[in-house]
Amino acid sequence: QVQLVESGGGLVQAGGSLRISCAASGRPFNNYHMGWFRQAPGKERDFVSGINWSGATTYYAESVKGRFTISRDNAKNTVYLQMNSLKSEDMAVYYCAAAALVRHPNWRIDVSSERGYDYWGQGTQVTVSS
């Protein structure tokens, strides 16, 4: 299995930027599609963004399109989420998730669903002050 550790969360002012990272270990990183989800207090965990194993294809929730950018560095076993123009509604715990290629041959269908992922990190808190 793969272990995922998020980092880079913190406090940022509304309108500011933050980049969070997720480091993977345990299995070849390019065997996994990757995703970011977030959960605000009292709410369900929601899809934010996804990226396929090679980095060639990305997906975004409508609420973050044009503001967030997902990327990955397979040589560093790391996926990133660059967040710009942050809003108060972006405040949440952000979770990294991995989807094994062999288990999800049609991952693009489930990219925005939790069922599309096999492993999860512990999360990193992003706080946006207004």
C-alpha atoms as a PDB file:
ATOM      1  CA  GLN A   1       0.000   0.000   0.000  1.00  0.00           C
ATOM      2  CA  VAL A   2       0.992   3.645  -0.215  1.00  0.00           C
ATOM      3  CA  GLN A   3       1.389   6.125   2.630  1.00  0.00           C
ATOM      4  CA  LEU A   4       0.395   9.751   2.100  1.00  0.00           C
ATOM      5  CA  VAL A   5       1.540  12.728   4.154  1.00  0.00           C
ATOM      6  CA  GLU A   6       0.195  16.203   3.520  1.00  0.00           C
ATOM      7  CA  SER A   7       2.034  19.403   4.410  1.00  0.00           C
ATOM      8  CA  GLY A   8       1.976  23.114   3.762  1.00  0.00           C
ATOM      9  CA  GLY A   9      -1.315  24.045   5.321  1.00  0.00           C
ATOM     10  CA  GLY A  10      -1.631  27.139   7.450  1.00  0.00           C
ATOM     11  CA  LEU A  11      -3.205  30.531   7.914  1.00  0.00           C
ATOM     12  CA  VAL A  12      -3.579  32.859   4.934  1.00  0.00           C
ATOM     13  CA  GLN A  13      -5.516  36.030   4.317  1.00  0.00           C
ATOM     14  CA  ALA A  14      -8.414  36.086   1.898  1.00  0.00           C
ATOM     15  CA  GLY A  15      -7.091  36.747  -1.574  1.00  0.00           C
ATOM     16  CA  GLY A  16      -3.769  35.168  -0.742  1.00  0.00           C
ATOM     17  CA  SER A  17      -2.072  32.021  -1.978  1.00  0.00           C
ATOM     18  CA  LEU A  18      -0.897  28.774  -0.486  1.00  0.00           C
ATOM     19  CA  ARG A  19       0.655  25.605  -1.866  1.00  0.00           C
ATOM     20  CA  ILE A  20       0.038  22.320  -0.138  1.00  0.00           C
ATOM     21  CA  SER A  21       1.915  19.127  -0.837  1.00  0.00           C
ATOM     22  CA  CYS A  22       1.385  15.425  -0.449  1.00  0.00           C
ATOM     23  CA  ALA A  23       4.339  13.080  -0.273  1.00  0.00           C
ATOM     24  CA  ALA A  24       3.779   9.421  -1.100  1.00  0.00           C
ATOM     25  CA  SER A  25       5.818   6.433  -0.063  1.00  0.00           C
ATOM     26  CA  GLY A  26       5.613   2.671  -0.152  1.00  0.00           C
ATOM     27  CA  ARG A  27       4.792   1.983  -3.799  1.00  0.00           C
ATOM     28  CA  PRO A  28       5.826   3.406  -7.176  1.00  0.00           C
ATOM     29  CA  PHE A  29       4.139   6.791  -7.311  1.00  0.00           C
ATOM     30  CA  ASN A  30       3.340   6.593 -11.005  1.00  0.00           C
ATOM     31  CA  ASN A  31       1.098   3.594 -10.280  1.00  0.00           C
ATOM     32  CA  TYR A  32      -1.449   5.985  -8.797  1.00  0.00           C
ATOM     33  CA  HIS A  33      -3.796   8.672  -9.908  1.00  0.00           C
ATOM     34  CA  MET A  34      -4.009  11.346  -7.224  1.00  0.00           C
ATOM     35  CA  GLY A  35      -6.691  13.606  -5.841  1.00  0.00           C
ATOM     36  CA  TRP A  36      -7.361  16.362  -3.348  1.00  0.00           C
ATOM     37  CA  PHE A  37     -10.513  16.563  -1.255  1.00  0.00           C
ATOM     38  CA  ARG A  38     -11.491  18.955   1.509  1.00  0.00           C
ATOM     39  CA  GLN A  39     -13.783  18.941   4.491  1.00  0.00           C
ATOM     40  CA  ALA A  40     -15.081  22.001   6.269  1.00  0.00           C
ATOM     41  CA  PRO A  41     -16.487  21.770   9.821  1.00  0.00           C
ATOM     42  CA  GLY A  42     -19.920  20.182   9.837  1.00  0.00           C
ATOM     43  CA  LYS A  43     -19.803  19.373   6.141  1.00  0.00           C
ATOM     44  CA  GLU A  44     -19.081  16.342   4.026  1.00  0.00           C
ATOM     45  CA  ARG A  45     -15.741  15.765   2.376  1.00  0.00           C
ATOM     46  CA  ASP A  46     -15.813  17.225  -1.119  1.00  0.00           C
ATOM     47  CA  PHE A  47     -13.723  16.729  -4.230  1.00  0.00           C
ATOM     48  CA  VAL A  48     -11.331  19.546  -5.105  1.00  0.00           C
ATOM     49  CA  SER A  49      -9.034  18.297  -7.850  1.00  0.00           C
ATOM     50  CA  GLY A  50      -7.571  15.188  -9.454  1.00  0.00           C
ATOM     51  CA  ILE A  51      -4.611  14.340 -11.668  1.00  0.00           C
ATOM     52  CA  ASN A  52      -3.900  11.191 -13.608  1.00  0.00           C
ATOM     53  CA  TRP A  53      -0.784   9.095 -13.134  1.00  0.00           C
ATOM     54  CA  SER A  54       1.281  10.928 -15.740  1.00  0.00           C
ATOM     55  CA  GLY A  55       0.092  14.428 -14.955  1.00  0.00           C
ATOM     56  CA  ALA A  56      -1.338  14.844 -18.433  1.00  0.00           C
ATOM     57  CA  THR A  57      -4.970  15.099 -17.335  1.00  0.00           C
ATOM     58  CA  THR A  58      -6.403  17.191 -14.531  1.00  0.00           C
ATOM     59  CA  TYR A  59      -9.849  17.691 -13.075  1.00  0.00           C
ATOM     60  CA  TYR A  60     -11.283  20.443 -10.902  1.00  0.00           C
ATOM     61  CA  ALA A  61     -14.391  21.174  -8.928  1.00  0.00           C
ATOM     62  CA  GLU A  62     -16.287  24.113 -10.369  1.00  0.00           C
ATOM     63  CA  SER A  63     -15.751  26.088  -7.187  1.00  0.00           C
ATOM     64  CA  VAL A  64     -11.961  26.128  -7.620  1.00  0.00           C
ATOM     65  CA  LYS A  65     -11.531  26.259 -11.393  1.00  0.00           C
ATOM     66  CA  GLY A  66      -9.261  29.107 -12.416  1.00  0.00           C
ATOM     67  CA  ARG A  67      -7.933  29.534  -8.876  1.00  0.00           C
ATOM     68  CA  PHE A  68      -6.382  26.169  -7.967  1.00  0.00           C
ATOM     69  CA  THR A  69      -3.806  24.165  -9.900  1.00  0.00           C
ATOM     70  CA  ILE A  70      -2.923  20.547  -9.275  1.00  0.00           C
ATOM     71  CA  SER A  71       0.425  19.145 -10.370  1.00  0.00           C
ATOM     72  CA  ARG A  72       2.686  16.218  -9.607  1.00  0.00           C
ATOM     73  CA  ASP A  73       6.360  15.412  -9.671  1.00  0.00           C
ATOM     74  CA  ASN A  74       6.754  11.686 -10.105  1.00  0.00           C
ATOM     75  CA  ALA A  75      10.482  11.890  -9.492  1.00  0.00           C
ATOM     76  CA  LYS A  76       9.748  13.349  -6.046  1.00  0.00           C
ATOM     77  CA  ASN A  77       6.696  11.185  -5.335  1.00  0.00           C
ATOM     78  CA  THR A  78       4.752  14.340  -4.585  1.00  0.00           C
ATOM     79  CA  VAL A  79       1.503  15.938  -5.665  1.00  0.00           C
ATOM     80  CA  TYR A  80       0.834  19.626  -5.164  1.00  0.00           C
ATOM     81  CA  LEU A  81      -2.154  21.913  -4.950  1.00  0.00           C
ATOM     82  CA  GLN A  82      -1.457  25.563  -5.676  1.00  0.00           C
ATOM     83  CA  MET A  83      -4.289  27.652  -4.295  1.00  0.00           C
ATOM     84  CA  ASN A  84      -4.670  31.276  -5.371  1.00  0.00           C
ATOM     85  CA  SER A  85      -7.282  33.930  -4.639  1.00  0.00           C
ATOM     86  CA  LEU A  86      -8.302  32.069  -1.532  1.00  0.00           C
ATOM     87  CA  LYS A  87     -11.746  32.698  -0.098  1.00  0.00           C
ATOM     88  CA  SER A  88     -13.227  32.081   3.318  1.00  0.00           C
ATOM     89  CA  GLU A  89     -15.214  29.193   1.845  1.00  0.00           C
ATOM     90  CA  ASP A  90     -11.942  27.450   0.941  1.00  0.00           C
ATOM     91  CA  MET A  91     -11.154  27.007   4.624  1.00  0.00           C
ATOM     92  CA  ALA A  92     -11.114  23.293   5.393  1.00  0.00           C
ATOM     93  CA  VAL A  93      -8.972  20.290   6.112  1.00  0.00           C
ATOM     94  CA  TYR A  94      -7.438  19.205   2.814  1.00  0.00           C
ATOM     95  CA  TYR A  95      -6.888  15.514   2.177  1.00  0.00           C
ATOM     96  CA  CYS A  96      -4.680  13.842  -0.363  1.00  0.00           C
ATOM     97  CA  ALA A  97      -5.879  10.563  -1.888  1.00  0.00           C
ATOM     98  CA  ALA A  98      -4.404   7.910  -4.169  1.00  0.00           C
ATOM     99  CA  ALA A  99      -6.136   5.649  -6.670  1.00  0.00           C
ATOM    100  CA  ALA A 100      -4.317   2.520  -7.811  1.00  0.00           C
ATOM    101  CA  LEU A 101      -4.324   2.218 -11.592  1.00  0.00           C
ATOM    102  CA  VAL A 102      -4.999  -1.516 -11.476  1.00  0.00           C
ATOM    103  CA  ARG A 103      -8.111  -1.039  -9.329  1.00  0.00           C
ATOM    104  CA  HIS A 104      -9.536   1.886 -11.261  1.00  0.00           C
ATOM    105  CA  PRO A 105      -9.205   1.336 -15.011  1.00  0.00           C
ATOM    106  CA  ASN A 106     -11.979   3.886 -15.565  1.00  0.00           C
ATOM    107  CA  TRP A 107     -10.889   6.259 -12.839  1.00  0.00           C
ATOM    108  CA  ARG A 108     -12.017   9.326 -14.760  1.00  0.00           C
ATOM    109  CA  ILE A 109     -15.597   8.242 -14.086  1.00  0.00           C
ATOM    110  CA  ASP A 110     -15.025   8.260 -10.316  1.00  0.00           C
ATOM    111  CA  VAL A 111     -12.414  10.983 -10.094  1.00  0.00           C
ATOM    112  CA  SER A 112     -14.663  13.256  -8.016  1.00  0.00           C
ATOM    113  CA  SER A 113     -15.968  10.520  -5.727  1.00  0.00           C
ATOM    114  CA  GLU A 114     -14.365   9.049  -2.633  1.00  0.00           C
ATOM    115  CA  ARG A 115     -14.979   5.573  -4.071  1.00  0.00           C
ATOM    116  CA  GLY A 116     -12.436   6.427  -6.748  1.00  0.00           C
ATOM    117  CA  TYR A 117      -9.589   6.315  -4.221  1.00  0.00           C
ATOM    118  CA  ASP A 118      -7.915   3.653  -2.145  1.00  0.00           C
ATOM    119  CA  TYR A 119      -5.619   5.495   0.239  1.00  0.00           C
ATOM    120  CA  TRP A 120      -5.937   8.716   2.179  1.00  0.00           C
ATOM    121  CA  GLY A 121      -3.657  11.027   4.061  1.00  0.00           C
ATOM    122  CA  GLN A 122      -4.345  12.521   7.478  1.00  0.00           C
ATOM    123  CA  GLY A 123      -5.105  15.968   6.159  1.00  0.00           C
ATOM    124  CA  THR A 124      -3.687  19.465   6.495  1.00  0.00           C
ATOM    125  CA  GLN A 125      -5.630  22.453   7.793  1.00  0.00           C
ATOM    126  CA  VAL A 126      -6.055  25.515   5.588  1.00  0.00           C
ATOM    127  CA  THR A 127      -7.424  28.557   7.391  1.00  0.00           C
ATOM    128  CA  VAL A 128      -8.449  31.670   5.474  1.00  0.00           C
ATOM    129  CA  SER A 129      -8.882  34.886   7.418  1.00  0.00           C
ATOM    130  CA  SER A 130     -11.109  37.639   6.102  1.00  0.00           C
END
